[in-house]
């Protein structure tokens, strides 16, 4: 499958996905709003469109057909429903970037069956009424219940990398270095993570592997908030100022990872299909060290 459309592909793991597809020899088209410059030159084709404008989106797609469509920017059931209509008869496979957010917090490792999008009620209210969690749940439900083409929904946890534009890990390094308070309600909470490199690698691998339905994708092993803080302390050479009661703490000092309970996934399905995930500490520790040293 070599003719590929990537909805969103100019930054973070979307950019790395395009680079991986090009290395595989794919014929890649990227569709973005054109607000972020890319470095792909003549290696890719481009469609400039705001996918939230359904009329403009359908017009921009035209009658083109693709073997695979990657959708990294679908956040609502409305956008998912529009995709079902626009790409009907024009795509052999559709891969949606979804999220760990579809699952509830808890001490147990979450498997795909813990949220069943095939049975989830489809809600098409206005976008403003949907949280990120609900938007992803409903987007999965719409695509997997309504699409006339095969769909895979990839549930990623927190994605980290030197290229993370949200600077979530940088936040912790800088707060420790500057002795600023970090609000973390529960230090023993265990979380799943994946690097931007591995996220892109997994998505590119899916192009030629017929995985359907929801699939979890995260690095092997979990990290507790305590382990994260300890790793940052060791890299910075300074003790963190952690505050567990965040009720009166300014939002700018609350950890982006500060969940009230554990939140991690089981990747048996992906592994049974043949994908081998890296151990989370193999890339997480070097990444923290690079950030602390100013190399990332």
Protein backbone atom coordinates (compact mmCIF):
# COMPACT_ATOMS: atom_id res chain seq x y z
CA UNK A 1 0.00 0.00 0.00
CA UNK A 2 1.98 2.97 -1.26
CA UNK A 3 -0.41 5.83 -1.98
CA UNK A 4 -0.89 7.56 1.36
CA UNK A 5 -2.68 10.67 2.63
CA UNK A 6 -1.64 12.11 6.00
CA UNK A 7 -4.05 14.54 7.64
CA UNK A 8 -1.64 16.56 9.72
CA UNK A 9 2.03 15.80 9.21
CA UNK A 10 4.17 18.86 9.79
CA UNK A 11 5.18 18.53 13.44
CA UNK A 12 5.95 16.06 16.23
CA UNK A 13 5.20 12.40 15.50
CA UNK A 14 3.11 13.37 12.43
CA UNK A 15 6.24 14.77 10.82
CA UNK A 16 8.22 11.70 11.82
CA UNK A 17 5.47 9.52 10.31
CA UNK A 18 5.81 11.27 6.95
CA UNK A 19 9.56 10.82 7.07
CA UNK A 20 9.13 7.10 7.84
CA UNK A 21 6.63 6.65 5.00
CA UNK A 22 9.00 8.35 2.57
CA UNK A 23 11.78 5.99 3.64
CA UNK A 24 9.40 3.12 2.84
CA UNK A 25 8.97 4.52 -0.66
CA UNK A 26 5.35 5.63 -0.22
CA UNK A 27 3.69 8.23 -2.44
CA UNK A 28 2.72 10.72 0.30
CA UNK A 29 0.26 13.60 0.28
CA UNK A 30 -0.09 15.77 3.38
CA UNK A 31 -3.21 17.79 4.14
CA UNK A 32 -2.79 20.70 6.56
CA UNK A 33 -3.98 24.26 7.06
CA UNK A 34 -0.63 25.42 5.70
CA UNK A 35 0.26 27.32 8.87
CA UNK A 36 3.33 25.24 9.73
CA UNK A 37 6.17 25.05 7.24
CA UNK A 38 7.58 21.63 6.44
CA UNK A 39 10.95 20.43 5.22
CA UNK A 40 9.76 17.76 2.80
CA UNK A 41 10.37 19.78 -0.37
CA UNK A 42 9.27 17.97 -3.52
CA UNK A 43 9.15 14.61 -1.71
CA UNK A 44 5.46 15.06 -0.86
CA UNK A 45 2.32 16.45 -2.45
CA UNK A 46 0.29 18.98 -0.47
CA UNK A 47 -3.34 19.83 0.11
CA UNK A 48 -3.96 23.07 2.00
CA UNK A 49 -7.33 23.01 3.75
CA UNK A 50 -9.01 23.42 7.12
CA UNK A 51 -10.56 20.01 7.73
CA UNK A 52 -13.14 21.56 10.09
CA UNK A 53 -14.68 23.23 6.99
CA UNK A 54 -16.44 20.16 5.58
CA UNK A 55 -17.33 21.78 2.24
CA UNK A 56 -13.78 22.98 1.63
CA UNK A 57 -12.40 19.65 2.86
CA UNK A 58 -14.51 17.61 0.45
CA UNK A 59 -13.64 19.95 -2.41
CA UNK A 60 -9.91 19.73 -1.64
CA UNK A 61 -9.99 15.91 -1.53
CA UNK A 62 -11.88 15.81 -4.83
CA UNK A 63 -11.99 12.43 -6.54
CA UNK A 64 -8.53 11.29 -5.41
CA UNK A 65 -8.10 7.78 -4.00
CA UNK A 66 -5.58 6.42 -1.49
CA UNK A 67 -4.46 3.08 -0.20
CA UNK A 68 -4.17 4.44 3.34
CA UNK A 69 -5.36 7.60 5.07
CA UNK A 70 -3.79 8.60 8.39
CA UNK A 71 -5.94 10.96 10.40
CA UNK A 72 -3.92 12.66 13.14
CA UNK A 73 -6.25 15.65 13.54
CA UNK A 74 -9.76 14.24 14.04
CA UNK A 75 -11.04 15.31 17.44
CA UNK A 76 -14.83 15.25 17.09
CA UNK A 77 -17.60 12.90 15.96
CA UNK A 78 -18.66 15.47 13.37
CA UNK A 79 -15.23 15.32 11.72
CA UNK A 80 -15.33 11.52 11.83
CA UNK A 81 -18.77 11.41 10.21
CA UNK A 82 -17.62 13.77 7.47
CA UNK A 83 -14.61 11.50 6.86
CA UNK A 84 -16.93 8.49 6.50
CA UNK A 85 -18.78 10.30 3.71
CA UNK A 86 -15.84 11.97 1.99
CA UNK A 87 -13.61 8.90 1.82
CA UNK A 88 -16.28 6.30 1.00
CA UNK A 89 -15.07 4.33 -2.00
CA UNK A 90 -11.77 6.27 -2.05
CA UNK A 91 -9.61 4.56 0.57
CA UNK A 92 -8.58 0.99 1.27
CA UNK A 93 -7.71 1.63 4.91
CA UNK A 94 -8.20 4.42 7.46
CA UNK A 95 -5.97 4.86 10.52
CA UNK A 96 -7.16 7.25 13.23
CA UNK A 97 -4.83 8.53 15.92
CA UNK A 98 -6.82 8.08 19.13
CA UNK A 99 -5.81 8.21 22.77
CA UNK A 100 -5.39 6.57 26.15
CA UNK A 101 -7.93 9.21 27.16
CA UNK A 102 -10.77 6.93 26.06
CA UNK A 103 -10.08 4.84 29.19
CA UNK A 104 -10.92 5.58 32.80
CA UNK A 105 -8.17 5.98 35.40
CA UNK A 106 -7.49 2.96 37.59
CA UNK A 107 -4.90 0.52 38.96
CA UNK A 108 -5.45 -2.07 36.23
CA UNK A 109 -3.73 -2.16 32.84
CA UNK A 110 -6.29 -1.15 30.20
CA UNK A 111 -6.93 -3.40 27.21
CA UNK A 112 -8.87 -2.51 24.07
CA UNK A 113 -12.03 -4.16 25.37
CA UNK A 114 -12.21 -1.71 28.29
CA UNK A 115 -13.72 0.81 25.89
CA UNK A 116 -15.84 -0.70 23.12
CA UNK A 117 -16.45 1.90 20.37
CA UNK A 118 -18.61 -0.54 18.40
CA UNK A 119 -21.27 -0.31 21.10
CA UNK A 120 -20.76 3.28 22.22
CA UNK A 121 -23.68 5.64 21.58
CA UNK A 122 -22.92 8.04 18.74
CA UNK A 123 -23.34 11.65 19.81
CA UNK A 124 -23.18 14.44 17.27
CA UNK A 125 -23.56 17.51 19.45
CA UNK A 126 -21.56 20.65 18.76
CA UNK A 127 -17.81 20.42 19.26
CA UNK A 128 -17.88 22.80 22.23
CA UNK A 129 -19.88 20.25 24.20
CA UNK A 130 -17.23 17.54 23.92
CA UNK A 131 -14.20 17.14 26.15
CA UNK A 132 -11.06 15.74 24.51
CA UNK A 133 -11.87 12.33 26.04
CA UNK A 134 -15.44 12.35 24.80
CA UNK A 135 -14.44 13.68 21.40
CA UNK A 136 -12.02 10.79 20.85
CA UNK A 137 -14.51 8.23 22.13
CA UNK A 138 -17.21 9.49 19.79
CA UNK A 139 -14.83 9.81 16.83
CA UNK A 140 -13.84 6.16 17.26
CA UNK A 141 -17.48 5.14 17.57
CA UNK A 142 -18.51 6.97 14.41
CA UNK A 143 -15.69 5.59 12.27
CA UNK A 144 -15.94 2.01 13.51
CA UNK A 145 -19.74 1.91 13.30
CA UNK A 146 -20.35 3.92 10.14
CA UNK A 147 -17.34 3.75 7.83
CA UNK A 148 -17.66 1.66 4.69
CA UNK A 149 -13.89 1.06 4.70
CA UNK A 150 -11.62 -0.78 7.19
CA UNK A 151 -10.63 1.37 10.17
CA UNK A 152 -7.91 1.08 12.82
CA UNK A 153 -7.95 3.43 15.81
CA UNK A 154 -4.55 3.75 17.49
CA UNK A 155 -4.72 4.53 21.18
CA UNK A 156 -1.55 6.37 22.14
CA UNK A 157 -0.66 7.43 25.68
CA UNK A 158 1.33 10.60 26.41
CA UNK A 159 3.80 11.01 23.53
CA UNK A 160 7.18 12.53 24.43
CA UNK A 161 10.24 13.59 22.53
CA UNK A 162 12.79 16.33 22.08
CA UNK A 163 10.40 17.71 19.46
CA UNK A 164 7.35 17.83 21.78
CA UNK A 165 5.98 21.32 21.14
CA UNK A 166 3.98 21.17 24.39
CA UNK A 167 7.23 20.88 26.40
CA UNK A 168 5.58 18.66 29.02
CA UNK A 169 8.81 16.98 30.09
CA UNK A 170 10.72 20.25 29.81
CA UNK A 171 8.23 21.63 32.34
CA UNK A 172 9.47 19.20 35.00
CA UNK A 173 13.15 19.78 34.27
CA UNK A 174 12.79 23.57 34.44
CA UNK A 175 10.66 23.50 37.59
CA UNK A 176 13.22 21.36 39.41
CA UNK A 177 16.12 23.47 38.16
CA UNK A 178 14.43 26.68 39.28
CA UNK A 179 13.14 25.19 42.55
CA UNK A 180 9.55 25.92 41.58
CA UNK A 181 6.70 23.85 43.06
CA UNK A 182 5.35 20.95 41.01
CA UNK A 183 1.79 19.88 41.75
CA UNK A 184 1.44 16.08 41.66
CA UNK A 185 -1.61 14.66 43.46
CA UNK A 186 -0.43 11.04 43.53
CA UNK A 187 3.25 10.16 43.17
CA UNK A 188 2.55 6.43 42.93
CA UNK A 189 0.33 6.78 39.85
CA UNK A 190 1.70 4.65 36.99
CA UNK A 191 1.45 5.94 33.43
CA UNK A 192 2.09 4.65 29.92
CA UNK A 193 4.27 6.65 27.54
CA UNK A 194 5.59 6.35 24.01
CA UNK A 195 8.33 8.31 22.27
CA UNK A 196 7.53 10.34 19.17
CA UNK A 197 9.96 8.12 17.25
CA UNK A 198 8.19 4.93 18.29
CA UNK A 199 4.73 6.41 17.71
CA UNK A 200 5.71 7.26 14.14
CA UNK A 201 7.35 3.86 13.67
CA UNK A 202 4.18 2.10 14.82
CA UNK A 203 1.93 4.13 12.53
CA UNK A 204 4.21 3.50 9.55
CA UNK A 205 4.29 -0.22 10.39
CA UNK A 206 0.49 -0.31 10.34
CA UNK A 207 0.45 0.69 6.66
CA UNK A 208 1.34 -2.85 5.63
CA UNK A 209 -0.19 -4.75 8.54
CA UNK A 210 -3.92 -5.41 8.52
CA UNK A 211 -4.78 -4.51 12.11
CA UNK A 212 -8.41 -3.41 12.45
CA UNK A 213 -10.43 -1.85 15.24
CA UNK A 214 -8.87 -0.28 18.31
CA UNK A 215 -5.25 -1.05 19.18
CA UNK A 216 -3.13 0.15 22.08
CA UNK A 217 0.38 1.38 21.35
CA UNK A 218 2.83 2.32 24.10
CA UNK A 219 6.35 1.53 25.17
CA UNK A 220 6.84 -1.55 27.33
CA UNK A 221 6.62 -0.86 31.07
CA UNK A 222 5.14 2.00 33.02
CA UNK A 223 6.61 4.93 34.90
CA UNK A 224 5.27 6.17 38.19
CA UNK A 225 5.25 9.88 38.88
CA UNK A 226 7.77 9.19 41.62
CA UNK A 227 10.12 7.54 39.13
CA UNK A 228 9.72 10.46 36.75
CA UNK A 229 10.55 12.98 39.47
CA UNK A 230 13.54 10.93 40.61
CA UNK A 231 14.88 10.69 37.05
CA UNK A 232 14.56 14.46 36.63
CA UNK A 233 16.23 15.11 40.01
CA UNK A 234 19.18 12.91 39.04
CA UNK A 235 19.56 14.63 35.66
CA UNK A 236 19.33 18.14 37.10
CA UNK A 237 21.27 17.42 40.28
CA UNK A 238 18.68 19.06 42.48
CA UNK A 239 15.71 17.96 44.58
CA UNK A 240 12.18 18.58 43.36
CA UNK A 241 9.66 20.63 45.33
CA UNK A 242 6.57 18.43 44.98
CA UNK A 243 3.18 19.51 46.32
CA UNK A 244 0.44 16.88 46.59
CA UNK A 245 -2.40 19.24 47.53
CA UNK A 246 -2.88 21.15 44.28
CA UNK A 247 -6.20 22.77 45.17
CA UNK A 248 -4.67 26.21 45.67
CA UNK A 249 -1.75 25.83 43.27
CA UNK A 250 -1.60 27.93 40.14
CA UNK A 251 -2.23 25.88 36.97
CA UNK A 252 1.19 26.87 35.69
CA UNK A 253 2.76 24.75 38.42
CA UNK A 254 0.61 21.63 38.06
CA UNK A 255 2.35 18.68 36.41
CA UNK A 256 0.98 17.79 32.96
CA UNK A 257 1.29 14.18 34.14
CA UNK A 258 -0.43 14.79 37.48
CA UNK A 259 -3.27 12.25 37.42
CA UNK A 260 -5.23 11.21 40.50
CA UNK A 261 -4.73 7.52 39.72
CA UNK A 262 -2.80 5.20 37.42
CA UNK A 263 -3.44 5.21 33.67
CA UNK A 264 -1.66 2.60 31.60
CA UNK A 265 -2.28 0.14 28.77
CA UNK A 266 -1.88 -3.45 27.65
CA UNK A 267 -0.30 -3.92 24.20
CA UNK A 268 -0.92 -7.64 23.71
CA UNK A 269 -2.97 -7.09 20.54
CA UNK A 270 -0.26 -5.09 18.77
CA UNK A 271 2.42 -7.56 19.86
CA UNK A 272 0.38 -10.51 18.62
CA UNK A 273 0.30 -8.82 15.21
CA UNK A 274 4.10 -8.66 15.28
CA UNK A 275 5.13 -5.25 16.60
CA UNK A 276 7.86 -5.17 19.27
CA UNK A 277 7.78 -2.14 21.57
CA UNK A 278 10.87 -0.70 23.25
CA UNK A 279 11.24 -0.54 27.00
CA UNK A 280 10.15 2.89 28.19
CA UNK A 281 13.27 3.52 30.30
CA UNK A 282 15.54 2.92 27.29
CA UNK A 283 14.47 6.23 25.75
CA UNK A 284 12.93 8.14 28.66
CA UNK A 285 16.06 8.42 30.80
CA UNK A 286 18.31 9.61 27.92
CA UNK A 287 15.61 12.10 26.88
CA UNK A 288 15.46 13.63 30.37
CA UNK A 289 19.24 13.87 30.43
CA UNK A 290 19.30 15.55 27.02
CA UNK A 291 16.70 18.09 28.12
CA UNK A 292 18.58 18.81 31.34
CA UNK A 293 21.81 19.27 29.38
CA UNK A 294 20.15 21.61 26.87
CA UNK A 295 20.51 19.14 24.00
CA UNK A 296 16.74 18.89 23.49
